[in-house]
């Protein structure tokens, strides 16, 4: 795996985890509060400097945009094609948002110090592992 690709995977997984593990059922306010808290903890841990604030703000905004608003689902009597179109549209929106997260992550990494990048990479790897466990637990239910 190339270094650039590895960083992209870590960045996207970190963003996804920050977004997904904050989710609390169908309670979007709690979900958003959890996401904001996670990002705030990461910002504090990284000790973002004023000169890095613009890149951090762009990253933070892209992560906060990750969750999809309720997309109108096909009706109960929808045919297979309507369901497939719904899934394709949802995947398209998610792909666009993950691409934005990857872009803002690269910009953020370009202004982080070596020590900050180590912290950010470590947080990303840990979040990927938590995400794996979270999804594996869900599959066993």
C-alpha atoms as a PDB file:
ATOM      1  CA  UNK A   1       0.000   0.000   0.000  1.00  0.00           C
ATOM      2  CA  UNK A   2       1.430   3.372  -0.959  1.00  0.00           C
ATOM      3  CA  UNK A   3       1.997   5.991   1.694  1.00  0.00           C
ATOM      4  CA  UNK A   4      -0.450   8.394   0.037  1.00  0.00           C
ATOM      5  CA  UNK A   5      -3.124   5.695  -0.150  1.00  0.00           C
ATOM      6  CA  UNK A   6      -2.476   4.617   3.446  1.00  0.00           C
ATOM      7  CA  UNK A   7      -2.913   8.200   4.649  1.00  0.00           C
ATOM      8  CA  UNK A   8      -6.156   8.499   2.694  1.00  0.00           C
ATOM      9  CA  UNK A   9      -7.482   5.293   4.258  1.00  0.00           C
ATOM     10  CA  UNK A  10      -6.509   6.501   7.731  1.00  0.00           C
ATOM     11  CA  UNK A  11      -8.072   9.909   7.203  1.00  0.00           C
ATOM     12  CA  UNK A  12     -11.332   8.549   5.866  1.00  0.00           C
ATOM     13  CA  UNK A  13     -11.537   5.931   8.602  1.00  0.00           C
ATOM     14  CA  UNK A  14     -10.911   8.566  11.270  1.00  0.00           C
ATOM     15  CA  UNK A  15     -13.632  10.773   9.870  1.00  0.00           C
ATOM     16  CA  UNK A  16     -16.029   7.873   9.540  1.00  0.00           C
ATOM     17  CA  UNK A  17     -15.398   6.752  13.079  1.00  0.00           C
ATOM     18  CA  UNK A  18     -15.801  10.231  14.464  1.00  0.00           C
ATOM     19  CA  UNK A  19     -19.091  10.414  12.665  1.00  0.00           C
ATOM     20  CA  UNK A  20     -20.347   6.863  13.161  1.00  0.00           C
ATOM     21  CA  UNK A  21     -19.502   6.135  16.791  1.00  0.00           C
ATOM     22  CA  UNK A  22     -21.157   9.301  17.990  1.00  0.00           C
ATOM     23  CA  UNK A  23     -24.506   8.068  16.626  1.00  0.00           C
ATOM     24  CA  UNK A  24     -27.080   7.280  19.275  1.00  0.00           C
ATOM     25  CA  UNK A  25     -30.076   5.572  17.721  1.00  0.00           C
ATOM     26  CA  UNK A  26     -32.364   8.019  15.980  1.00  0.00           C
ATOM     27  CA  UNK A  27     -31.285  10.935  18.127  1.00  0.00           C
ATOM     28  CA  UNK A  28     -29.486  13.301  15.754  1.00  0.00           C
ATOM     29  CA  UNK A  29     -28.824  15.945  18.413  1.00  0.00           C
ATOM     30  CA  UNK A  30     -26.959  13.500  20.655  1.00  0.00           C
ATOM     31  CA  UNK A  31     -25.163  12.214  17.592  1.00  0.00           C
ATOM     32  CA  UNK A  32     -24.019  15.709  16.614  1.00  0.00           C
ATOM     33  CA  UNK A  33     -23.020  16.533  20.188  1.00  0.00           C
ATOM     34  CA  UNK A  34     -20.901  13.371  20.320  1.00  0.00           C
ATOM     35  CA  UNK A  35     -19.265  14.212  17.009  1.00  0.00           C
ATOM     36  CA  UNK A  36     -18.466  17.765  18.099  1.00  0.00           C
ATOM     37  CA  UNK A  37     -17.010  16.455  21.365  1.00  0.00           C
ATOM     38  CA  UNK A  38     -14.789  13.967  19.516  1.00  0.00           C
ATOM     39  CA  UNK A  39     -13.493  16.649  17.185  1.00  0.00           C
ATOM     40  CA  UNK A  40     -12.884  19.023  20.093  1.00  0.00           C
ATOM     41  CA  UNK A  41     -10.880  16.350  21.945  1.00  0.00           C
ATOM     42  CA  UNK A  42      -8.823  15.698  18.829  1.00  0.00           C
ATOM     43  CA  UNK A  43      -8.220  19.431  18.321  1.00  0.00           C
ATOM     44  CA  UNK A  44      -7.041  19.762  21.925  1.00  0.00           C
ATOM     45  CA  UNK A  45      -4.851  16.695  21.655  1.00  0.00           C
ATOM     46  CA  UNK A  46      -3.253  18.056  18.490  1.00  0.00           C
ATOM     47  CA  UNK A  47      -2.796  21.471  20.097  1.00  0.00           C
ATOM     48  CA  UNK A  48      -3.860  23.252  16.916  1.00  0.00           C
ATOM     49  CA  UNK A  49      -2.015  26.546  16.541  1.00  0.00           C
ATOM     50  CA  UNK A  50      -3.616  29.730  15.173  1.00  0.00           C
ATOM     51  CA  UNK A  51      -1.651  29.296  11.930  1.00  0.00           C
ATOM     52  CA  UNK A  52      -3.250  25.837  11.519  1.00  0.00           C
ATOM     53  CA  UNK A  53      -6.769  26.905  12.405  1.00  0.00           C
ATOM     54  CA  UNK A  54      -7.991  27.432   8.805  1.00  0.00           C
ATOM     55  CA  UNK A  55      -6.954  23.924   7.756  1.00  0.00           C
ATOM     56  CA  UNK A  56      -8.416  22.466  10.962  1.00  0.00           C
ATOM     57  CA  UNK A  57     -11.690  24.346  10.406  1.00  0.00           C
ATOM     58  CA  UNK A  58     -12.004  22.986   6.861  1.00  0.00           C
ATOM     59  CA  UNK A  59     -11.313  19.438   8.099  1.00  0.00           C
ATOM     60  CA  UNK A  60     -13.789  19.801  10.949  1.00  0.00           C
ATOM     61  CA  UNK A  61     -16.493  21.126   8.632  1.00  0.00           C
ATOM     62  CA  UNK A  62     -15.991  18.290   6.149  1.00  0.00           C
ATOM     63  CA  UNK A  63     -16.300  15.682   8.910  1.00  0.00           C
ATOM     64  CA  UNK A  64     -19.400  17.333  10.340  1.00  0.00           C
ATOM     65  CA  UNK A  65     -20.995  17.204   6.876  1.00  0.00           C
ATOM     66  CA  UNK A  66     -20.439  13.449   6.576  1.00  0.00           C
ATOM     67  CA  UNK A  67     -23.737  12.286   8.038  1.00  0.00           C
ATOM     68  CA  UNK A  68     -26.498  12.070   5.513  1.00  0.00           C
ATOM     69  CA  UNK A  69     -29.676  13.889   6.126  1.00  0.00           C
ATOM     70  CA  UNK A  70     -32.672  11.658   5.800  1.00  0.00           C
ATOM     71  CA  UNK A  71     -32.955  10.746   2.151  1.00  0.00           C
ATOM     72  CA  UNK A  72     -36.437   9.864   1.077  1.00  0.00           C
ATOM     73  CA  UNK A  73     -36.482   6.112   0.939  1.00  0.00           C
ATOM     74  CA  UNK A  74     -38.396   4.234  -1.698  1.00  0.00           C
ATOM     75  CA  UNK A  75     -41.897   3.230  -0.662  1.00  0.00           C
ATOM     76  CA  UNK A  76     -42.723  -0.178   0.754  1.00  0.00           C
ATOM     77  CA  UNK A  77     -43.936  -1.285  -2.655  1.00  0.00           C
ATOM     78  CA  UNK A  78     -40.798  -0.062  -4.479  1.00  0.00           C
ATOM     79  CA  UNK A  79     -39.336  -2.292  -7.147  1.00  0.00           C
ATOM     80  CA  UNK A  80     -35.745  -3.495  -7.203  1.00  0.00           C
ATOM     81  CA  UNK A  81     -34.653  -0.765  -9.629  1.00  0.00           C
ATOM     82  CA  UNK A  82     -35.978   2.016  -7.360  1.00  0.00           C
ATOM     83  CA  UNK A  83     -34.158   0.502  -4.398  1.00  0.00           C
ATOM     84  CA  UNK A  84     -30.946   0.216  -6.411  1.00  0.00           C
ATOM     85  CA  UNK A  85     -31.238   3.864  -7.536  1.00  0.00           C
ATOM     86  CA  UNK A  86     -31.764   4.934  -3.914  1.00  0.00           C
ATOM     87  CA  UNK A  87     -28.652   3.027  -2.815  1.00  0.00           C
ATOM     88  CA  UNK A  88     -26.620   4.407  -5.719  1.00  0.00           C
ATOM     89  CA  UNK A  89     -27.611   8.000  -4.915  1.00  0.00           C
ATOM     90  CA  UNK A  90     -26.761   7.521  -1.256  1.00  0.00           C
ATOM     91  CA  UNK A  91     -23.388   5.986  -2.148  1.00  0.00           C
ATOM     92  CA  UNK A  92     -22.676   8.852  -4.566  1.00  0.00           C
ATOM     93  CA  UNK A  93     -23.309  11.466  -1.870  1.00  0.00           C
ATOM     94  CA  UNK A  94     -21.177   9.553   0.642  1.00  0.00           C
ATOM     95  CA  UNK A  95     -18.348   9.214  -1.897  1.00  0.00           C
ATOM     96  CA  UNK A  96     -18.427  12.965  -2.555  1.00  0.00           C
ATOM     97  CA  UNK A  97     -18.283  13.700   1.156  1.00  0.00           C
ATOM     98  CA  UNK A  98     -15.459  11.220   1.780  1.00  0.00           C
ATOM     99  CA  UNK A  99     -13.526  12.774  -1.109  1.00  0.00           C
ATOM    100  CA  UNK A 100     -13.904  16.169   0.548  1.00  0.00           C
ATOM    101  CA  UNK A 101     -12.712  14.711   3.854  1.00  0.00           C
ATOM    102  CA  UNK A 102      -9.671  13.220   2.118  1.00  0.00           C
ATOM    103  CA  UNK A 103      -8.913  16.605   0.539  1.00  0.00           C
ATOM    104  CA  UNK A 104      -9.227  18.550   3.793  1.00  0.00           C
ATOM    105  CA  UNK A 105      -7.227  15.887   5.642  1.00  0.00           C
ATOM    106  CA  UNK A 106      -4.358  16.259   3.182  1.00  0.00           C
ATOM    107  CA  UNK A 107      -4.445  20.039   3.643  1.00  0.00           C
ATOM    108  CA  UNK A 108      -4.490  19.660   7.412  1.00  0.00           C
ATOM    109  CA  UNK A 109      -1.594  17.196   7.352  1.00  0.00           C
ATOM    110  CA  UNK A 110       0.430  19.651   5.270  1.00  0.00           C
ATOM    111  CA  UNK A 111       0.358  22.204   8.119  1.00  0.00           C
ATOM    112  CA  UNK A 112       0.776  19.805  11.058  1.00  0.00           C
ATOM    113  CA  UNK A 113       4.129  19.297  12.701  1.00  0.00           C
ATOM    114  CA  UNK A 114       5.696  15.854  12.662  1.00  0.00           C
ATOM    115  CA  UNK A 115       4.546  15.241  16.259  1.00  0.00           C
ATOM    116  CA  UNK A 116       1.006  16.364  15.446  1.00  0.00           C
ATOM    117  CA  UNK A 117       0.906  14.071  12.410  1.00  0.00           C
ATOM    118  CA  UNK A 118       1.948  11.153  14.599  1.00  0.00           C
ATOM    119  CA  UNK A 119      -0.913  11.898  16.987  1.00  0.00           C
ATOM    120  CA  UNK A 120      -3.352  12.314  14.103  1.00  0.00           C
ATOM    121  CA  UNK A 121      -2.228   9.070  12.435  1.00  0.00           C
ATOM    122  CA  UNK A 122      -2.435   7.199  15.742  1.00  0.00           C
ATOM    123  CA  UNK A 123      -5.952   8.521  16.374  1.00  0.00           C
ATOM    124  CA  UNK A 124      -6.931   7.461  12.861  1.00  0.00           C
ATOM    125  CA  UNK A 125      -5.595   3.934  13.323  1.00  0.00           C
ATOM    126  CA  UNK A 126      -7.343   3.561  16.671  1.00  0.00           C
ATOM    127  CA  UNK A 127     -10.585   4.834  15.199  1.00  0.00           C
ATOM    128  CA  UNK A 128     -10.345   2.325  12.368  1.00  0.00           C
ATOM    129  CA  UNK A 129      -9.968  -0.493  14.889  1.00  0.00           C
ATOM    130  CA  UNK A 130     -12.942   0.769  16.923  1.00  0.00           C
ATOM    131  CA  UNK A 131     -14.976   0.990  13.736  1.00  0.00           C
ATOM    132  CA  UNK A 132     -14.105  -2.604  12.849  1.00  0.00           C
ATOM    133  CA  UNK A 133     -15.160  -3.787  16.310  1.00  0.00           C
ATOM    134  CA  UNK A 134     -18.344  -1.717  16.158  1.00  0.00           C
ATOM    135  CA  UNK A 135     -19.380  -3.232  12.842  1.00  0.00           C
ATOM    136  CA  UNK A 136     -18.371  -6.756  13.812  1.00  0.00           C
ATOM    137  CA  UNK A 137     -20.508  -6.533  16.949  1.00  0.00           C
ATOM    138  CA  UNK A 138     -23.431  -5.353  14.828  1.00  0.00           C
ATOM    139  CA  UNK A 139     -23.068  -8.328  12.472  1.00  0.00           C
ATOM    140  CA  UNK A 140     -23.194 -10.801  15.365  1.00  0.00           C
ATOM    141  CA  UNK A 141     -26.581  -9.560  16.595  1.00  0.00           C
END
